[in-house]
C-alpha atoms as a PDB file:
ATOM      1  CA  MET A   1      28.306  24.821 -24.292  1.00  0.00           C
ATOM      2  CA  ASP A   2      27.162  22.242 -21.953  1.00  0.00           C
ATOM      3  CA  CYS A   3      24.286  19.849 -22.272  1.00  0.00           C
ATOM      4  CA  GLU A   4      21.773  21.981 -20.035  1.00  0.00           C
ATOM      5  CA  SER A   5      22.392  24.933 -21.990  1.00  0.00           C
ATOM      6  CA  ILE A   6      21.620  23.355 -25.277  1.00  0.00           C
ATOM      7  CA  ARG A   7      18.372  21.647 -23.913  1.00  0.00           C
ATOM      8  CA  LYS A   8      17.212  25.027 -23.273  1.00  0.00           C
ATOM      9  CA  ILE A   9      17.704  26.319 -26.772  1.00  0.00           C
ATOM     10  CA  ILE A  10      16.468  23.034 -28.571  1.00  0.00           C
ATOM     11  CA  ALA A  11      12.683  24.267 -28.491  1.00  0.00           C
ATOM     12  CA  ALA A  12      13.762  27.364 -30.215  1.00  0.00           C
ATOM     13  CA  TYR A  13      16.073  25.390 -32.817  1.00  0.00           C
ATOM     14  CA  ILE A  14      13.097  23.242 -33.740  1.00  0.00           C
ATOM     15  CA  ASN A  15      10.802  26.121 -34.081  1.00  0.00           C
ATOM     16  CA  HIS A  16      13.401  28.276 -35.935  1.00  0.00           C
ATOM     17  CA  THR A  17      13.213  30.953 -33.544  1.00  0.00           C
ATOM     18  CA  ALA A  18      16.776  30.391 -32.376  1.00  0.00           C
ATOM     19  CA  LEU A  19      19.260  33.277 -32.890  1.00  0.00           C
ATOM     20  CA  ASP A  20      22.162  32.576 -35.476  1.00  0.00           C
ATOM     21  CA  ASN A  21      24.768  32.041 -32.823  1.00  0.00           C
ATOM     22  CA  GLU A  22      22.579  29.643 -30.847  1.00  0.00           C
ATOM     23  CA  ILE A  23      21.935  27.518 -33.868  1.00  0.00           C
ATOM     24  CA  GLN A  24      25.768  27.234 -34.361  1.00  0.00           C
ATOM     25  CA  GLN A  25      26.274  26.414 -30.857  1.00  0.00           C
ATOM     26  CA  VAL A  26      23.504  23.625 -30.886  1.00  0.00           C
ATOM     27  CA  GLU A  27      24.634  22.160 -34.141  1.00  0.00           C
ATOM     28  CA  GLU A  28      28.270  21.876 -32.980  1.00  0.00           C
ATOM     29  CA  HIS A  29      27.289  20.518 -29.626  1.00  0.00           C
ATOM     30  CA  LEU A  30      24.953  17.916 -31.580  1.00  0.00           C
ATOM     31  CA  CYS A  31      27.849  16.621 -33.676  1.00  0.00           C
ATOM     32  CA  ILE A  32      29.780  15.589 -30.491  1.00  0.00           C
ATOM     33  CA  CYS A  33      27.253  14.597 -28.242  1.00  0.00           C
ATOM     34  CA  GLN A  34      24.981  11.560 -28.503  1.00  0.00           C
ATOM     35  CA  ASP A  35      22.892  12.221 -25.562  1.00  0.00           C
ATOM     36  CA  CYS A  36      21.615  15.660 -26.786  1.00  0.00           C
ATOM     37  CA  ARG A  37      21.162  14.122 -30.195  1.00  0.00           C
ATOM     38  CA  GLU A  38      18.647  11.497 -28.607  1.00  0.00           C
ATOM     39  CA  TYR A  39      17.106  14.560 -26.525  1.00  0.00           C
ATOM     40  CA  LEU A  40      16.362  16.195 -30.001  1.00  0.00           C
ATOM     41  CA  SER A  41      14.908  13.224 -31.579  1.00  0.00           C
ATOM     42  CA  HIS A  42      12.881  12.602 -28.740  1.00  0.00           C
ATOM     43  CA  PHE A  43      11.672  16.348 -28.765  1.00  0.00           C
ATOM     44  CA  ILE A  44      10.720  16.138 -32.348  1.00  0.00           C
ATOM     45  CA  ASP A  45       8.860  12.750 -31.873  1.00  0.00           C
ATOM     46  CA  LYS A  46       6.784  14.583 -29.221  1.00  0.00           C
ATOM     47  CA  LYS A  47       6.227  17.587 -31.358  1.00  0.00           C
ATOM     48  CA  GLU A  48       4.801  15.256 -34.105  1.00  0.00           C
ATOM     49  CA  GLU A  49       2.652  13.394 -31.740  1.00  0.00           C
ATOM     50  CA  GLU A  50       1.239  16.632 -30.460  1.00  0.00           C
ATOM     51  CA  LYS A  51       0.424  17.498 -34.187  1.00  0.00           C
ATOM     52  CA  LEU A  52      -1.309  14.205 -34.692  1.00  0.00           C
ATOM     53  CA  LEU A  53      -3.466  14.391 -31.384  1.00  0.00           C
ATOM     54  CA  PRO A  54      -6.206  16.556 -32.816  1.00  0.00           C
ATOM     55  CA  SER A  55      -6.831  14.446 -36.038  1.00  0.00           C
ATOM     56  CA  LEU A  56      -6.758  11.299 -33.982  1.00  0.00           C
ATOM     57  CA  LYS A  57      -9.214  12.727 -31.309  1.00  0.00           C
ATOM     58  CA  SER A  58     -11.606  13.651 -34.256  1.00  0.00           C
ATOM     59  CA  GLN A  59     -11.229  10.275 -35.683  1.00  0.00           C
ATOM     60  CA  LYS A  60     -12.218   8.602 -32.444  1.00  0.00           C
ATOM     61  CA  SER A  61     -15.460  10.621 -31.959  1.00  0.00           C
ATOM     62  CA  ILE A  62     -16.976   9.489 -35.278  1.00  0.00           C
ATOM     63  CA  PRO A  63     -17.439   6.269 -34.398  1.00  0.00           C
ATOM     64  CA  LYS A  64     -18.474   6.917 -30.831  1.00  0.00           C
ATOM     65  CA  SER A  65     -21.467   9.088 -32.145  1.00  0.00           C
ATOM     66  CA  GLY A  66     -22.009   6.013 -34.754  1.00  0.00           C
ATOM     67  CA  TRP A  67     -22.274   3.424 -31.704  1.00  0.00           C
ATOM     68  CA  ASP A  68     -24.748   5.857 -30.184  1.00  0.00           C
ATOM     69  CA  ILE A  69     -27.078   5.695 -33.089  1.00  0.00           C
ATOM     70  CA  VAL A  70     -26.723   1.875 -33.368  1.00  0.00           C
ATOM     71  CA  THR A  71     -27.433   1.745 -29.686  1.00  0.00           C
ATOM     72  CA  TYR A  72     -30.778   3.726 -30.016  1.00  0.00           C
ATOM     73  CA  VAL A  73     -31.843   1.505 -33.119  1.00  0.00           C
ATOM     74  CA  ILE A  74     -31.295  -1.542 -31.327  1.00  0.00           C
ATOM     75  CA  ILE A  75     -33.110  -0.238 -28.078  1.00  0.00           C
ATOM     76  CA  TYR A  76     -36.221   0.844 -30.248  1.00  0.00           C
ATOM     77  CA  LEU A  77     -36.131  -2.517 -32.235  1.00  0.00           C
ATOM     78  CA  GLY A  78     -36.070  -4.398 -29.292  1.00  0.00           C
ATOM     79  CA  ILE A  79     -39.193  -2.455 -27.971  1.00  0.00           C
ATOM     80  CA  ILE A  80     -41.191  -2.939 -31.295  1.00  0.00           C
ATOM     81  CA  LEU A  81     -40.363  -6.488 -31.079  1.00  0.00           C
ATOM     82  CA  THR A  82     -41.469  -6.829 -27.569  1.00  0.00           C
ATOM     83  CA  LEU A  83     -44.980  -4.832 -28.419  1.00  0.00           C
ATOM     84  CA  VAL A  84     -45.533  -6.979 -31.303  1.00  0.00           C
ATOM     85  CA  ILE A  85     -44.745 -10.375 -29.087  1.00  0.00           C
ATOM     86  CA  VAL A  86     -47.283  -9.072 -26.586  1.00  0.00           C
ATOM     87  CA  PHE A  87     -49.930  -8.134 -29.221  1.00  0.00           C
ATOM     88  CA  LEU A  88     -49.816 -11.612 -30.815  1.00  0.00           C
ATOM     89  CA  PHE A  89     -50.109 -13.378 -27.366  1.00  0.00           C
ATOM     90  CA  ILE A  90     -53.024 -10.916 -26.745  1.00  0.00           C
ATOM     91  CA  PHE A  91     -54.943 -11.216 -29.818  1.00  0.00           C
ATOM     92  CA  LYS A  92     -54.284 -14.855 -30.327  1.00  0.00           C
ATOM     93  CA  LYS A  93     -56.757 -15.536 -27.278  1.00  0.00           C
END
């Protein structure tokens, strides 16, 4: 089989949905073709990244909401501090 045909089967090969004869053809071709082995490796890496993306997205959202809370606290503290300073100047006279 040629590289183009093998690359069409690789997704099924990785997902364990390829037919027995396709599995044999892919494995025989991978033994002799460095380009297709690299393609397979890249395909597997890409699939692993896709599995990790949801967990990475959820980890990134936690600090963002944390920073939102910190921002509000700083704003409220700034308002309170400003009011205290204003009242101190008003009652000092």
